[in-house]
Amino acid sequence: MQYFADTAVKAATSAGQALLGNFRRQHASVYGAEILSVGSRTLSKEITSSNDHEADKLIIEVLQKECPSHNLLTEETGLIDNGSPYTWIIDPLDGSSNFLNHNPFFAVSICLAYNDEPITGVILSPFIEEMVVARKGQGCTLNGRRVRVSSTKELAKTYVVGCPGGEKNNIRFSKMEYALHQQIKDFRKIGSAAVECYMVATGRVDGFTTLNIDPWDVAAGVLAAQEAGGLVTDFNGEPWKLNKTDLLVSNGLVHDEILAELSNAGIPQSAPKMSEAS
C-alpha cells in the first residue's frame, strides 16, 4: 500500500506544480460557451478550465506508467475501464472557481479504491503547501505529521463547513445551512470539497456536509477523515459509499446531533447516484 501512496503523491505533485505555476500567472482559458480569464470574475460554479485538463493529463500519465492495469475515473476524462478491481478516483483541480478567481483554496485529490473501498487517499493544496496522505488502517498525515479530528463535543461550539455540490442544489443547501447555523458556532463555505474534508481530518473544523456530490470530489477526503478518527455517513446515518451523494463528515462526537438537526429541518437523504466506479 505504501507504493500506491507514493504513486499518488508523485501524481499529485506533478499536477500541483503545474497548477501552481499557472495560478501565479493569474490567467487561464475556460472551456465552455466562451473563453474567459480570471479578470472576468465569473460566478459560475460549473466551470472547467485548461488547468483542469492539463492537471488531468499529468496525473493519468503517472498512474498509467506506475499502475498500467488499474482503472481510472477522473472528473475530466471519465472512466477508463481496464477490468481491474483497483480504480483511481481523481479530481485534478478541486475548487476550479477558486483557482480562476485567484483564491488559494484549491486542491488535487487522488484516491485509490479496491472493489469500491477507498484504501489510499492523497490531497495536495499547492499554494498553501499542504499534503494530506491517508492509508486504510494506517492513519492520516498532514505534511508527514499524524493528525486527528477535533475533540469538540458540544453542538453549540461546533464549526461546520459545507459544499452544495453544484448550483442545482442551492435551495436545498441554503435550507441546510440555515438549519445548522441556528445550533452551531458557525457554518462556512470554503469552495473546495477536498479541502473541506481534510479540514475535518486535521481538526480545524468539526464537520463537513455536502449534497449530491461526485466521488472524485470527496473520496480521498473521506478516507482522510476516517483514518484521522472521524465518522462519515449519509444523512440517514448509513455508512457512505461511492454511489451515495449526500454525506456528513465529522469528528464523530457531534455526528448524531448534526444528523438530528438535518432531520428536524426536513433535509432528506437524496437518492443515490450510480457511480461509474461501482
Protein backbone atom coordinates (compact mmCIF):
# COMPACT_ATOMS: atom_id res chain seq x y z
CA MET A 1 0.00 0.00 0.00
CA GLN A 2 2.96 2.31 0.51
CA TYR A 3 3.72 2.00 -3.20
CA PHE A 4 0.21 3.23 -4.02
CA ALA A 5 0.57 6.16 -1.64
CA ASP A 6 3.95 7.08 -3.13
CA THR A 7 2.46 6.87 -6.62
CA ALA A 8 -0.46 9.11 -5.66
CA VAL A 9 1.92 11.63 -4.10
CA LYS A 10 4.02 11.61 -7.27
CA ALA A 11 0.97 12.19 -9.48
CA ALA A 12 -0.46 14.89 -7.22
CA THR A 13 2.88 16.68 -7.04
CA SER A 14 3.24 16.69 -10.83
CA ALA A 15 -0.22 18.19 -11.27
CA GLY A 16 0.17 20.54 -8.32
CA GLN A 17 3.38 22.07 -9.65
CA ALA A 18 1.72 22.79 -13.00
CA LEU A 19 -1.33 24.29 -11.31
CA LEU A 20 0.77 26.47 -9.06
CA GLY A 21 2.76 27.83 -11.99
CA ASN A 22 -0.43 28.75 -13.83
CA PHE A 23 -2.02 30.16 -10.68
CA ARG A 24 0.87 32.57 -10.18
CA ARG A 25 0.47 33.75 -13.77
CA GLN A 26 -3.15 34.64 -12.93
CA HIS A 27 -4.57 33.56 -16.27
CA ALA A 28 -6.46 30.52 -17.56
CA SER A 29 -8.60 29.61 -20.55
CA VAL A 30 -12.05 28.25 -19.70
CA TYR A 31 -13.89 25.54 -21.61
CA GLY A 32 -17.50 26.37 -22.37
CA ALA A 33 -19.56 28.80 -24.40
CA GLU A 34 -16.89 31.47 -24.31
CA ILE A 35 -13.28 32.00 -23.36
CA LEU A 36 -12.83 33.74 -20.04
CA SER A 37 -9.93 34.77 -17.86
CA VAL A 38 -9.52 35.35 -14.17
CA GLY A 39 -10.12 39.02 -14.75
CA SER A 40 -13.72 38.39 -15.80
CA ARG A 41 -14.58 37.15 -12.27
CA THR A 42 -17.07 34.53 -13.43
CA LEU A 43 -19.60 33.48 -10.83
CA SER A 44 -20.43 30.10 -12.34
CA LYS A 45 -19.75 27.10 -10.15
CA GLU A 46 -19.93 24.74 -13.10
CA ILE A 47 -16.63 25.55 -14.73
CA THR A 48 -13.77 23.67 -16.33
CA SER A 49 -10.55 25.35 -17.35
CA SER A 50 -7.48 24.43 -19.33
CA ASN A 51 -5.79 23.91 -15.96
CA ASP A 52 -8.19 21.09 -15.06
CA HIS A 53 -7.36 19.30 -18.29
CA GLU A 54 -3.62 19.85 -18.04
CA ALA A 55 -3.55 18.51 -14.47
CA ASP A 56 -5.73 15.58 -15.50
CA LYS A 57 -3.31 14.56 -18.25
CA LEU A 58 -0.31 14.78 -15.93
CA ILE A 59 -1.99 12.58 -13.30
CA ILE A 60 -3.10 10.00 -15.86
CA GLU A 61 0.41 9.88 -17.29
CA VAL A 62 1.91 8.99 -13.91
CA LEU A 63 -0.77 6.48 -12.94
CA GLN A 64 -0.76 4.67 -16.27
CA LYS A 65 3.01 4.35 -16.08
CA GLU A 66 3.11 3.12 -12.47
CA CYS A 67 -0.15 1.12 -12.38
CA PRO A 68 -0.99 0.31 -16.02
CA SER A 69 -3.63 -2.34 -15.26
CA HIS A 70 -5.72 -0.15 -12.94
CA ASN A 71 -8.97 1.61 -13.85
CA LEU A 72 -9.11 5.40 -13.84
CA LEU A 73 -12.13 7.57 -13.04
CA THR A 74 -11.47 11.29 -13.41
CA GLU A 75 -13.76 14.29 -13.46
CA GLU A 76 -12.40 15.41 -16.82
CA THR A 77 -11.81 12.14 -18.70
CA GLY A 78 -14.46 9.89 -17.19
CA LEU A 79 -13.96 6.16 -16.74
CA ILE A 80 -11.05 4.26 -18.26
CA ASP A 81 -12.08 0.67 -17.53
CA ASN A 82 -9.32 -1.93 -17.61
CA GLY A 83 -11.34 -4.55 -15.78
CA SER A 84 -9.33 -4.18 -12.58
CA PRO A 85 -10.64 -4.30 -9.01
CA TYR A 86 -8.47 -1.20 -8.44
CA THR A 87 -9.83 2.19 -9.52
CA TRP A 88 -8.12 5.55 -9.18
CA ILE A 89 -10.70 8.28 -8.46
CA ILE A 90 -9.34 11.69 -9.40
CA ASP A 91 -10.25 15.35 -9.27
CA PRO A 92 -7.29 17.09 -10.89
CA LEU A 93 -8.43 20.54 -9.75
CA ASP A 94 -11.00 20.68 -6.98
CA GLY A 95 -12.06 24.27 -6.48
CA SER A 96 -11.82 25.42 -10.10
CA SER A 97 -13.75 28.63 -9.44
CA ASN A 98 -11.46 29.44 -6.52
CA PHE A 99 -8.47 28.88 -8.78
CA LEU A 100 -9.81 31.10 -11.54
CA ASN A 101 -10.70 33.86 -9.09
CA HIS A 102 -7.21 33.65 -7.59
CA ASN A 103 -8.42 32.17 -4.32
CA PRO A 104 -5.70 29.85 -2.91
CA PHE A 105 -8.12 27.18 -1.62
CA PHE A 106 -7.92 24.62 -4.42
CA ALA A 107 -6.54 21.10 -4.43
CA VAL A 108 -5.57 17.96 -6.32
CA SER A 109 -7.47 14.95 -5.00
CA ILE A 110 -6.45 11.35 -5.78
CA CYS A 111 -7.95 8.22 -4.23
CA LEU A 112 -7.37 4.55 -4.93
CA ALA A 113 -10.31 2.23 -4.30
CA TYR A 114 -10.21 -1.56 -4.19
CA ASN A 115 -13.60 -3.08 -5.02
CA ASP A 116 -15.16 0.35 -4.38
CA GLU A 117 -13.50 0.68 -0.97
CA PRO A 118 -11.07 3.62 -0.66
CA ILE A 119 -7.67 2.38 0.50
CA THR A 120 -5.32 5.27 -0.32
CA GLY A 121 -6.03 8.98 -0.46
CA VAL A 122 -3.84 11.97 -1.24
CA ILE A 123 -4.88 15.63 -1.29
CA LEU A 124 -2.44 18.35 -2.25
CA SER A 125 -3.16 22.06 -1.76
CA PRO A 126 -0.29 23.50 -3.80
CA PHE A 127 -0.48 27.17 -2.88
CA ILE A 128 -0.74 26.65 0.88
CA GLU A 129 1.81 23.82 0.65
CA GLU A 130 -0.19 21.11 2.39
CA MET A 131 -0.15 17.41 1.53
CA VAL A 132 -2.57 15.02 3.19
CA VAL A 133 -1.90 11.28 2.89
CA ALA A 134 -4.24 8.59 4.22
CA ARG A 135 -3.90 4.82 4.01
CA LYS A 136 -6.59 2.44 5.18
CA GLY A 137 -5.69 1.17 8.63
CA GLN A 138 -2.54 3.31 8.73
CA GLY A 139 -3.85 6.72 9.77
CA CYS A 140 -3.68 10.15 8.17
CA THR A 141 -0.82 12.64 7.96
CA LEU A 142 -0.51 16.31 7.07
CA ASN A 143 2.95 17.12 5.68
CA GLY A 144 4.22 13.94 7.32
CA ARG A 145 2.73 14.64 10.76
CA ARG A 146 -0.02 12.39 12.12
CA VAL A 147 -3.32 14.23 12.55
CA ARG A 148 -6.57 13.60 14.42
CA VAL A 149 -10.06 15.03 14.29
CA SER A 150 -11.17 17.60 16.85
CA SER A 151 -12.41 16.79 20.35
CA THR A 152 -15.41 19.15 20.24
CA LYS A 153 -18.42 17.53 21.92
CA GLU A 154 -20.92 20.39 22.18
CA LEU A 155 -23.01 21.29 19.14
CA ALA A 156 -23.03 24.96 20.18
CA LYS A 157 -19.23 25.05 19.88
CA THR A 158 -19.12 23.24 16.55
CA TYR A 159 -17.71 24.68 13.33
CA VAL A 160 -19.08 23.15 10.13
CA VAL A 161 -18.03 23.73 6.52
CA GLY A 162 -20.16 22.83 3.55
CA CYS A 163 -20.38 22.48 -0.19
CA PRO A 164 -23.63 22.50 -2.21
CA GLY A 165 -22.23 20.12 -4.82
CA GLY A 166 -23.45 22.24 -7.72
CA GLU A 167 -25.82 25.08 -8.50
CA LYS A 168 -28.82 22.74 -8.76
CA ASN A 169 -28.60 22.16 -5.00
CA ASN A 170 -28.50 25.80 -3.91
CA ILE A 171 -32.03 25.94 -2.44
CA ARG A 172 -31.62 22.68 -0.54
CA PHE A 173 -28.16 23.75 0.62
CA SER A 174 -29.48 27.10 1.87
CA LYS A 175 -32.12 25.31 3.95
CA MET A 176 -29.48 23.01 5.39
CA GLU A 177 -27.11 25.87 6.16
CA TYR A 178 -29.88 27.88 7.85
CA ALA A 179 -30.96 24.89 9.96
CA LEU A 180 -27.44 24.17 11.19
CA HIS A 181 -26.47 27.80 11.70
CA GLN A 182 -29.13 28.15 14.39
CA GLN A 183 -27.48 25.49 16.54
CA ILE A 184 -23.74 25.57 15.88
CA LYS A 185 -20.94 28.07 16.38
CA ASP A 186 -20.56 28.85 12.67
CA PHE A 187 -21.13 27.47 9.18
CA ARG A 188 -18.63 28.32 6.46
CA LYS A 189 -18.10 27.59 2.77
CA ILE A 190 -14.52 27.24 1.51
CA GLY A 191 -15.18 26.33 -2.13
CA SER A 192 -13.29 23.03 -2.34
CA ALA A 193 -14.84 19.81 -1.03
CA ALA A 194 -11.44 18.11 -0.87
CA VAL A 195 -10.02 20.90 1.31
CA GLU A 196 -13.14 20.95 3.49
CA CYS A 197 -12.91 17.19 4.03
CA TYR A 198 -9.32 17.31 5.15
CA MET A 199 -10.08 20.26 7.42
CA VAL A 200 -12.16 17.78 9.43
CA ALA A 201 -9.31 15.25 9.39
CA THR A 202 -6.85 17.83 10.72
CA GLY A 203 -9.20 19.03 13.47
CA ARG A 204 -9.57 22.55 12.06
CA VAL A 205 -13.33 22.16 11.82
CA ASP A 206 -15.69 19.69 13.43
CA GLY A 207 -17.86 18.76 10.47
CA PHE A 208 -18.31 18.93 6.71
CA THR A 209 -21.55 18.38 4.85
CA THR A 210 -22.35 18.30 1.16
CA LEU A 211 -25.14 17.44 -1.24
CA ASN A 212 -25.32 15.41 -4.43
CA ILE A 213 -21.55 15.15 -4.59
CA ASP A 214 -19.50 13.13 -7.07
CA PRO A 215 -16.99 10.57 -5.74
CA TRP A 216 -13.91 12.29 -7.16
CA ASP A 217 -14.64 15.37 -5.04
CA VAL A 218 -14.61 13.58 -1.70
CA ALA A 219 -13.24 10.02 -1.94
CA ALA A 220 -9.72 10.92 -0.76
CA GLY A 221 -11.06 13.31 1.87
CA VAL A 222 -13.49 10.74 3.24
CA LEU A 223 -10.65 8.28 3.78
CA ALA A 224 -8.52 11.01 5.38
CA ALA A 225 -11.27 11.86 7.86
CA GLN A 226 -11.93 8.22 8.69
CA GLU A 227 -8.26 7.48 9.23
CA ALA A 228 -8.00 10.54 11.47
CA GLY A 229 -10.70 9.12 13.73
CA GLY A 230 -13.74 10.74 12.13
CA LEU A 231 -17.11 9.39 11.08
CA VAL A 232 -18.64 9.53 7.60
CA THR A 233 -22.25 8.67 6.78
CA ASP A 234 -25.10 9.68 4.56
CA PHE A 235 -27.91 11.79 6.05
CA ASN A 236 -29.68 8.62 7.24
CA GLY A 237 -26.66 7.67 9.32
CA GLU A 238 -25.71 4.82 7.00
CA PRO A 239 -22.06 4.27 6.00
CA TRP A 240 -21.18 6.39 2.98
CA LYS A 241 -20.48 4.60 -0.28
CA LEU A 242 -19.11 5.83 -3.58
CA ASN A 243 -22.63 5.95 -5.06
CA LYS A 244 -24.06 7.94 -2.15
CA THR A 245 -24.44 11.60 -2.98
CA ASP A 246 -25.17 13.35 0.35
CA LEU A 247 -22.71 12.94 3.17
CA LEU A 248 -21.73 14.18 6.58
CA VAL A 249 -18.11 14.02 7.70
CA SER A 250 -17.48 14.80 11.37
CA ASN A 251 -15.28 14.19 14.37
CA GLY A 252 -17.82 11.55 15.41
CA LEU A 253 -18.66 13.30 18.66
CA VAL A 254 -21.25 15.69 17.21
CA HIS A 255 -22.34 13.48 14.33
CA ASP A 256 -25.69 12.31 15.67
CA GLU A 257 -26.67 15.80 16.77
CA ILE A 258 -25.94 17.24 13.32
CA LEU A 259 -27.95 14.46 11.67
CA ALA A 260 -30.81 15.19 14.05
CA GLU A 261 -30.80 18.86 13.09
CA LEU A 262 -30.88 17.94 9.41
CA SER A 263 -33.78 15.59 10.03
CA ASN A 264 -35.68 18.17 12.08
CA ALA A 265 -35.24 20.68 9.27
CA GLY A 266 -36.67 18.23 6.75
CA ILE A 267 -33.46 17.74 4.77
CA PRO A 268 -33.95 14.18 3.47
CA GLN A 269 -31.25 11.98 2.01
CA SER A 270 -31.20 12.27 -1.78
CA ALA A 271 -31.42 9.17 -3.93
CA PRO A 272 -28.03 7.53 -4.57
CA LYS A 273 -26.49 8.11 -7.97
CA MET A 274 -24.89 5.17 -9.68
CA SER A 275 -21.14 5.67 -9.55
CA GLU A 276 -19.09 4.75 -12.56
CA ALA A 277 -16.61 3.33 -10.08
CA SER A 278 -19.08 0.68 -8.89
